[in-house]
Every structure is written in C-alpha cells, then in structure tokens.
C-alpha cells in the first residue's frame, strides 16, 4: 500500500491518481489546510482518506499501518507564507517529516520519498543547479526543506530506512490552486489572462525558472519508489531548461488569446532567487528519469484545464 501525505493537494492528488491507475492501494493523509476535497472527488471512492495533521504522531502512526512506500508531499508550501509564519512552517515541515520517518521505522515501511525543493539552492551564483552545490537557503521554507533532507539521510544511514529526497523545480499543472494568497505564478497568470486582467510580475521579470509540468514529478516519484540505487540520495527533478517570467507571461497570453494584455510589474519578493535551472543528470542515472512532458505542452494542458474549469 502507498501512503500519500498531502494527498488532497496539487501534487499529492496527481500522484494518487497515477498510483491507482497502476493498480496500487492508496491511503491519503491530509488536514485539508491547503488541500481540497475537490482535488480527489474523482477518486474519493477508491482511496482511504485520513483527515489529520502531520504534527500529530498518533495520527501519522495510524496512517502508516500496512504501508510499504510513503510519498511525503504534505507540507506548508510557499516562501512568502514561511516568512510571515516561520514557526508553523517549521512545525509542519520539519516535525511532520520527523514523525513520518519515525513512524516508518515503527511499522516496517520500506521506503520514504520526500518532496524537497529547489529553493534550497537559494542565491547560488551558478545558473545551473547541481546537487553538489552548497545549500544557500533564503527563507524559512527553504530551511525547512533542507532540514527534511538531512533527516531523511540520517534515517537512512543510521537506521537503514530507504529514503529518497526529490528536489522539485517550480511544479505546475492541473489541480494547482489559483485562489490561495500563496498561489504559484503559473495558475495566477492563467487566471489573470482568462479574467482579462494584466498579470502582476514580481520585479523586472528577467528571473528565470525551470518550470516542471506535474506529469514529470509524478513519473519521477513512481520511479523513485522502487529504484534500487536511489536509497539515501537527494536529486533534482525538473526538465533541465528554463524560461524567464516575462517569457512565461508572453506564452500564456498567446495560449489564452489575450496577447493585447500587458503584464504589470510590482516589487520583487523577499526570499526570491534570480535564476533556477536544474541539472537532472543524477536523476537520469539513479532513476532512469527523463521528462515525459515538455514545458510548452504542459502549459497548453494547464491552460486547457483551467479554461474547462471556468466553463
């Protein structure tokens, strides 16, 4: 059985859908603070859902019964949220991860996969980020993800638990929430264009990102569940390419038929990095991973999904 923490969230619900399609039993643990029942409405009758908080060891331990692999996606996301509330971010992201790891030992779980983040690289001057670069976190969120990685490695080296940390780069796709005050840039831009409003670009828009369509993240997670050489490792998951935020706005304007709307520029966000592009050679080596959906195709699918939801 698979356990997906944060399984009613954007990434977790997509992993759950694919795991079910491949014939696995799935349990979802979510407190629905950022996840939504609507994200799992189509699979609700096929999964076991435990409504509970990662900060409760009792709840986490109960959810782990009979589980062989944990896809630990549950977290308080967002750099701005962590800056405004670092204590809760730490409690959920760090203590919650420690609870998962300890419960995995208690129950004999085989492997724990951890959703880490490219934000760990911070303001590294290297345009292409490889796993051997030093961590330079710029926000409490990034610190919490780095702490999670370190706990994962310690539990592997000391206790022999199979752990894998996947550093996601700017994930986007269906079921990503455009209505949260901490929403990611792609759903925010798409919603703005669909509503006929100019999207707001933080800063000059020259910052670049390795935007990664959700199918690639799901693919990597399911590979990592069984890859024999991956245990104890930390690796980037992305497309290995990048586009500027200004370029992103232009593409979304074209896809939505709103090319006449010019973006507005606001102040830069504290904690943001200028450039982020992944070296994915380690994931290619250890997981035999390669992207299954390109950025452009993923953006087309995401725009179509949000258009249908608005219809």
Protein backbone atom coordinates (compact mmCIF):
# COMPACT_ATOMS: atom_id res chain seq x y z
CA UNK A 1 0.00 0.00 0.00
CA UNK A 2 1.08 3.55 -0.73
CA UNK A 3 0.59 6.44 1.71
CA UNK A 4 0.47 9.93 0.20
CA UNK A 5 0.73 12.74 2.72
CA UNK A 6 -0.84 15.91 1.41
CA UNK A 7 -2.74 13.64 -0.97
CA UNK A 8 -5.59 16.12 -1.43
CA UNK A 9 -3.14 18.78 -2.58
CA UNK A 10 -1.96 19.60 -6.06
CA UNK A 11 1.00 17.23 -6.33
CA UNK A 12 -0.29 14.55 -3.98
CA UNK A 13 -3.63 14.15 -5.75
CA UNK A 14 -1.88 13.70 -9.09
CA UNK A 15 0.40 11.03 -7.62
CA UNK A 16 -2.65 9.28 -6.13
CA UNK A 17 -4.43 9.25 -9.47
CA UNK A 18 -1.49 7.64 -11.27
CA UNK A 19 -0.80 5.15 -8.46
CA UNK A 20 -4.41 3.97 -8.64
CA UNK A 21 -4.15 3.68 -12.42
CA UNK A 22 -1.21 1.33 -11.90
CA UNK A 23 -3.19 -0.87 -9.52
CA UNK A 24 -1.80 0.21 -6.13
CA UNK A 25 -3.85 0.66 -2.97
CA UNK A 26 -3.65 4.25 -1.76
CA UNK A 27 -4.14 5.94 1.60
CA UNK A 28 -4.25 9.74 1.76
CA UNK A 29 -3.33 11.71 4.88
CA UNK A 30 -4.31 15.38 4.71
CA UNK A 31 -5.59 18.02 7.12
CA UNK A 32 -7.14 19.99 4.23
CA UNK A 33 -5.49 23.25 5.25
CA UNK A 34 -4.17 23.69 1.70
CA UNK A 35 -5.57 20.54 0.06
CA UNK A 36 -9.15 20.29 -1.20
CA UNK A 37 -11.76 17.54 -1.36
CA UNK A 38 -12.49 18.69 -4.93
CA UNK A 39 -8.98 17.57 -5.96
CA UNK A 40 -9.82 13.96 -5.14
CA UNK A 41 -13.54 13.93 -5.97
CA UNK A 42 -12.97 11.63 -8.94
CA UNK A 43 -11.01 9.08 -6.89
CA UNK A 44 -12.60 9.52 -3.45
CA UNK A 45 -14.37 6.14 -3.61
CA UNK A 46 -11.12 4.34 -4.46
CA UNK A 47 -8.84 5.65 -1.71
CA UNK A 48 -8.71 5.57 2.08
CA UNK A 49 -8.67 9.13 3.42
CA UNK A 50 -7.44 10.01 6.90
CA UNK A 51 -8.15 13.61 7.84
CA UNK A 52 -5.39 14.59 10.21
CA UNK A 53 -2.29 16.68 10.87
CA UNK A 54 1.32 15.67 10.30
CA UNK A 55 2.20 17.26 13.63
CA UNK A 56 0.30 14.52 15.48
CA UNK A 57 2.47 11.43 15.81
CA UNK A 58 -0.57 9.37 16.83
CA UNK A 59 -2.37 10.21 13.58
CA UNK A 60 0.74 9.67 11.46
CA UNK A 61 1.41 6.31 13.11
CA UNK A 62 -2.17 5.17 12.46
CA UNK A 63 -1.94 6.18 8.80
CA UNK A 64 1.27 4.17 8.35
CA UNK A 65 -0.21 0.76 9.20
CA UNK A 66 0.35 -1.65 6.31
CA UNK A 67 2.17 0.93 4.18
CA UNK A 68 5.21 -0.06 2.12
CA UNK A 69 6.03 3.30 0.49
CA UNK A 70 5.31 6.87 1.64
CA UNK A 71 5.11 9.73 -0.82
CA UNK A 72 5.63 12.55 1.67
CA UNK A 73 4.14 15.57 -0.11
CA UNK A 74 2.44 17.11 2.92
CA UNK A 75 3.86 20.49 3.91
CA UNK A 76 3.08 24.15 4.34
CA UNK A 77 4.27 25.44 0.96
CA UNK A 78 5.31 28.92 -0.15
CA UNK A 79 8.26 31.15 0.58
CA UNK A 80 6.10 34.19 1.48
CA UNK A 81 3.99 32.14 3.91
CA UNK A 82 7.12 30.91 5.67
CA UNK A 83 8.43 34.45 6.01
CA UNK A 84 5.18 35.59 7.64
CA UNK A 85 4.88 32.47 9.85
CA UNK A 86 8.21 30.64 10.25
CA UNK A 87 7.15 28.78 13.41
CA UNK A 88 4.20 26.95 11.85
CA UNK A 89 6.24 26.25 8.73
CA UNK A 90 8.89 24.59 10.87
CA UNK A 91 6.38 22.61 12.93
CA UNK A 92 4.62 21.17 9.89
CA UNK A 93 7.55 20.73 7.53
CA UNK A 94 10.25 19.60 9.95
CA UNK A 95 8.43 17.96 12.88
CA UNK A 96 5.92 16.47 10.44
CA UNK A 97 8.72 14.89 8.42
CA UNK A 98 10.37 13.54 11.56
CA UNK A 99 7.03 11.98 12.57
CA UNK A 100 6.76 10.28 9.18
CA UNK A 101 10.28 8.87 9.41
CA UNK A 102 9.86 7.61 12.96
CA UNK A 103 6.51 6.00 12.14
CA UNK A 104 8.09 4.36 9.10
CA UNK A 105 10.60 2.66 11.38
CA UNK A 106 7.85 1.62 13.80
CA UNK A 107 5.76 -0.01 11.09
CA UNK A 108 8.47 -1.56 8.92
CA UNK A 109 7.76 0.70 5.95
CA UNK A 110 10.20 0.02 3.12
CA UNK A 111 10.81 3.47 1.61
CA UNK A 112 10.00 7.14 2.24
CA UNK A 113 10.07 9.66 -0.62
CA UNK A 114 10.38 13.32 0.36
CA UNK A 115 9.15 16.31 -1.63
CA UNK A 116 12.07 18.71 -1.36
CA UNK A 117 12.59 21.98 -3.18
CA UNK A 118 14.94 23.85 -5.50
CA UNK A 119 14.65 26.77 -3.05
CA UNK A 120 17.45 25.07 -1.10
CA UNK A 121 19.95 26.43 -3.65
CA UNK A 122 18.96 29.99 -2.74
CA UNK A 123 21.11 32.68 -4.32
CA UNK A 124 23.76 30.31 -5.64
CA UNK A 125 25.57 32.17 -8.45
CA UNK A 126 25.57 29.03 -10.60
CA UNK A 127 22.85 29.30 -13.24
CA UNK A 128 22.51 25.51 -13.48
CA UNK A 129 21.88 23.87 -10.11
CA UNK A 130 23.51 20.51 -9.39
CA UNK A 131 23.17 18.57 -6.18
CA UNK A 132 26.83 19.05 -5.21
CA UNK A 133 26.40 22.84 -4.86
CA UNK A 134 26.28 24.15 -1.28
CA UNK A 135 22.85 24.87 0.16
CA UNK A 136 22.12 28.60 0.48
CA UNK A 137 18.50 28.82 1.68
CA UNK A 138 16.99 32.31 1.71
CA UNK A 139 13.70 31.61 3.51
CA UNK A 140 12.31 29.59 6.44
CA UNK A 141 10.57 27.38 3.87
CA UNK A 142 13.87 26.53 2.20
CA UNK A 143 15.47 25.87 5.60
CA UNK A 144 12.62 23.50 6.48
CA UNK A 145 13.11 21.53 3.28
CA UNK A 146 16.87 21.31 3.85
CA UNK A 147 16.23 20.04 7.39
CA UNK A 148 13.85 17.44 5.97
CA UNK A 149 16.52 16.23 3.55
CA UNK A 150 19.04 15.91 6.35
CA UNK A 151 16.62 13.90 8.49
CA UNK A 152 15.95 11.64 5.51
CA UNK A 153 19.66 10.95 5.06
CA UNK A 154 20.24 10.40 8.78
CA UNK A 155 17.42 7.87 9.00
CA UNK A 156 18.90 6.05 6.02
CA UNK A 157 22.47 5.98 7.32
CA UNK A 158 21.69 5.23 10.96
CA UNK A 159 18.54 3.10 10.80
CA UNK A 160 18.77 1.64 7.30
CA UNK A 161 15.43 3.10 6.19
CA UNK A 162 15.28 3.59 2.43
CA UNK A 163 14.81 7.31 1.81
CA UNK A 164 14.89 9.44 -1.33
CA UNK A 165 14.64 13.24 -1.49
CA UNK A 166 13.42 14.78 -4.73
CA UNK A 167 14.12 18.48 -5.24
CA UNK A 168 11.21 19.78 -7.29
CA UNK A 169 11.66 22.78 -9.56
CA UNK A 170 8.60 25.06 -9.98
CA UNK A 171 5.90 22.46 -10.46
CA UNK A 172 2.72 23.38 -12.33
CA UNK A 173 -0.32 21.69 -13.81
CA UNK A 174 -3.96 20.67 -13.23
CA UNK A 175 -5.40 20.97 -9.70
CA UNK A 176 -2.94 23.71 -8.70
CA UNK A 177 -4.87 26.27 -6.67
CA UNK A 178 -5.11 29.74 -8.25
CA UNK A 179 -7.14 31.16 -5.36
CA UNK A 180 -4.68 30.90 -2.48
CA UNK A 181 -2.84 34.08 -1.41
CA UNK A 182 0.32 31.98 -1.83
CA UNK A 183 -0.51 30.64 -5.29
CA UNK A 184 2.30 29.86 -7.71
CA UNK A 185 2.93 32.11 -10.66
CA UNK A 186 1.52 29.95 -13.49
CA UNK A 187 -2.04 29.50 -12.17
CA UNK A 188 -2.08 33.15 -11.13
CA UNK A 189 -1.03 34.30 -14.61
CA UNK A 190 -3.51 32.00 -16.34
CA UNK A 191 -6.38 33.17 -14.15
CA UNK A 192 -5.47 36.83 -14.73
CA UNK A 193 -5.45 36.42 -18.50
CA UNK A 194 -8.67 34.39 -18.52
CA UNK A 195 -10.35 37.14 -16.48
CA UNK A 196 -8.99 39.84 -18.80
CA UNK A 197 -6.68 41.34 -16.17
CA UNK A 198 -2.95 42.05 -16.52
CA UNK A 199 -0.83 39.57 -14.55
CA UNK A 200 1.45 41.06 -11.93
CA UNK A 201 5.15 40.25 -12.40
CA UNK A 202 7.33 40.49 -9.30
CA UNK A 203 10.36 42.61 -10.17
CA UNK A 204 11.63 43.08 -13.71
CA UNK A 205 10.54 39.63 -14.91
CA UNK A 206 14.04 38.66 -16.03
CA UNK A 207 14.27 35.99 -13.35
CA UNK A 208 14.20 32.52 -14.90
CA UNK A 209 12.76 29.22 -13.72
CA UNK A 210 12.84 25.55 -14.70
CA UNK A 211 9.04 25.18 -14.76
CA UNK A 212 8.20 21.48 -14.49
CA UNK A 213 4.87 20.00 -15.54
CA UNK A 214 3.23 17.78 -12.94
CA UNK A 215 3.41 14.59 -15.07
CA UNK A 216 7.21 14.71 -14.77
CA UNK A 217 7.01 14.93 -10.97
CA UNK A 218 4.57 12.03 -10.77
CA UNK A 219 6.75 9.98 -13.13
CA UNK A 220 9.85 10.63 -11.02
CA UNK A 221 8.09 9.71 -7.77
CA UNK A 222 6.86 6.38 -9.09
CA UNK A 223 10.32 5.58 -10.45
CA UNK A 224 11.86 6.52 -7.10
CA UNK A 225 9.52 4.18 -5.21
CA UNK A 226 11.47 1.18 -6.49
CA UNK A 227 14.77 2.37 -8.00
CA UNK A 228 17.35 0.11 -6.33
CA UNK A 229 20.25 2.58 -6.35
CA UNK A 230 18.30 5.64 -5.19
CA UNK A 231 18.13 4.91 -1.44
CA UNK A 232 19.82 7.61 0.64
CA UNK A 233 20.08 10.05 -2.25
CA UNK A 234 18.99 13.62 -2.99
CA UNK A 235 18.29 14.59 -6.58
CA UNK A 236 16.79 17.29 -8.78
CA UNK A 237 13.55 16.66 -10.64
CA UNK A 238 12.82 19.10 -13.45
CA UNK A 239 13.10 19.49 -17.21
CA UNK A 240 16.66 20.84 -17.30
CA UNK A 241 15.64 24.03 -19.10
CA UNK A 242 14.37 27.47 -18.12
CA UNK A 243 12.30 30.45 -19.25
CA UNK A 244 12.05 33.99 -17.89
CA UNK A 245 8.92 35.13 -16.10
CA UNK A 246 8.40 37.71 -18.85
CA UNK A 247 8.61 34.92 -21.43
CA UNK A 248 6.15 32.87 -19.41
CA UNK A 249 3.64 35.72 -19.39
CA UNK A 250 4.00 36.10 -23.15
CA UNK A 251 3.32 32.38 -23.77
CA UNK A 252 0.28 32.33 -21.50
CA UNK A 253 -1.06 35.46 -23.19
CA UNK A 254 -0.78 33.70 -26.54
CA UNK A 255 -2.39 30.46 -25.31
CA UNK A 256 -5.33 32.33 -23.78
CA UNK A 257 -5.79 34.60 -26.78
CA UNK A 258 -5.06 37.68 -24.63
CA UNK A 259 -1.96 38.99 -26.35
CA UNK A 260 -3.21 42.56 -26.03
CA UNK A 261 -2.89 42.49 -22.24
CA UNK A 262 0.48 43.72 -20.99
CA UNK A 263 1.79 42.47 -17.60
CA UNK A 264 2.20 44.92 -14.75
CA UNK A 265 5.38 44.95 -12.70
CA UNK A 266 5.40 45.04 -8.91
CA UNK A 267 8.18 44.91 -6.31
CA UNK A 268 10.47 41.91 -6.06
CA UNK A 269 9.54 39.38 -3.38
CA UNK A 270 11.88 38.85 -0.43
CA UNK A 271 13.49 35.43 -0.50
CA UNK A 272 13.16 35.03 -4.27
CA UNK A 273 16.12 33.84 -6.33
CA UNK A 274 17.10 35.23 -9.73
CA UNK A 275 17.80 32.12 -11.79
CA UNK A 276 16.92 28.48 -11.29
CA UNK A 277 17.62 25.69 -13.77
CA UNK A 278 18.23 22.06 -12.87
CA UNK A 279 20.97 19.64 -13.73
CA UNK A 280 18.96 16.40 -13.91
CA UNK A 281 21.82 14.04 -14.73
CA UNK A 282 21.74 12.35 -11.31
CA UNK A 283 18.04 11.51 -11.67
CA UNK A 284 18.78 10.15 -15.14
CA UNK A 285 21.47 7.93 -13.63
CA UNK A 286 19.73 6.70 -10.47
CA UNK A 287 16.08 6.63 -11.61
CA UNK A 288 16.47 6.40 -15.39
CA UNK A 289 14.33 9.52 -15.34
CA UNK A 290 13.70 11.81 -18.25
CA UNK A 291 10.89 14.34 -18.66
CA UNK A 292 7.73 12.85 -20.15
CA UNK A 293 6.03 16.20 -20.92
CA UNK A 294 7.73 19.34 -22.20
CA UNK A 295 7.17 22.75 -20.65
CA UNK A 296 5.26 24.05 -23.69
CA UNK A 297 2.98 21.01 -23.90
CA UNK A 298 2.41 21.11 -20.15
CA UNK A 299 1.49 24.80 -20.31
CA UNK A 300 -1.03 24.07 -23.08
CA UNK A 301 -2.63 21.31 -20.98
CA UNK A 302 -2.74 23.51 -17.88
CA UNK A 303 -4.41 26.40 -19.71
CA UNK A 304 -6.97 23.97 -21.20
CA UNK A 305 -7.69 22.50 -17.76
CA UNK A 306 -8.28 25.92 -16.20
CA UNK A 307 -10.42 27.03 -19.13
CA UNK A 308 -12.64 23.95 -18.74
CA UNK A 309 -12.96 24.54 -15.00
CA UNK A 310 -14.15 28.08 -15.65
CA UNK A 311 -16.69 26.99 -18.30
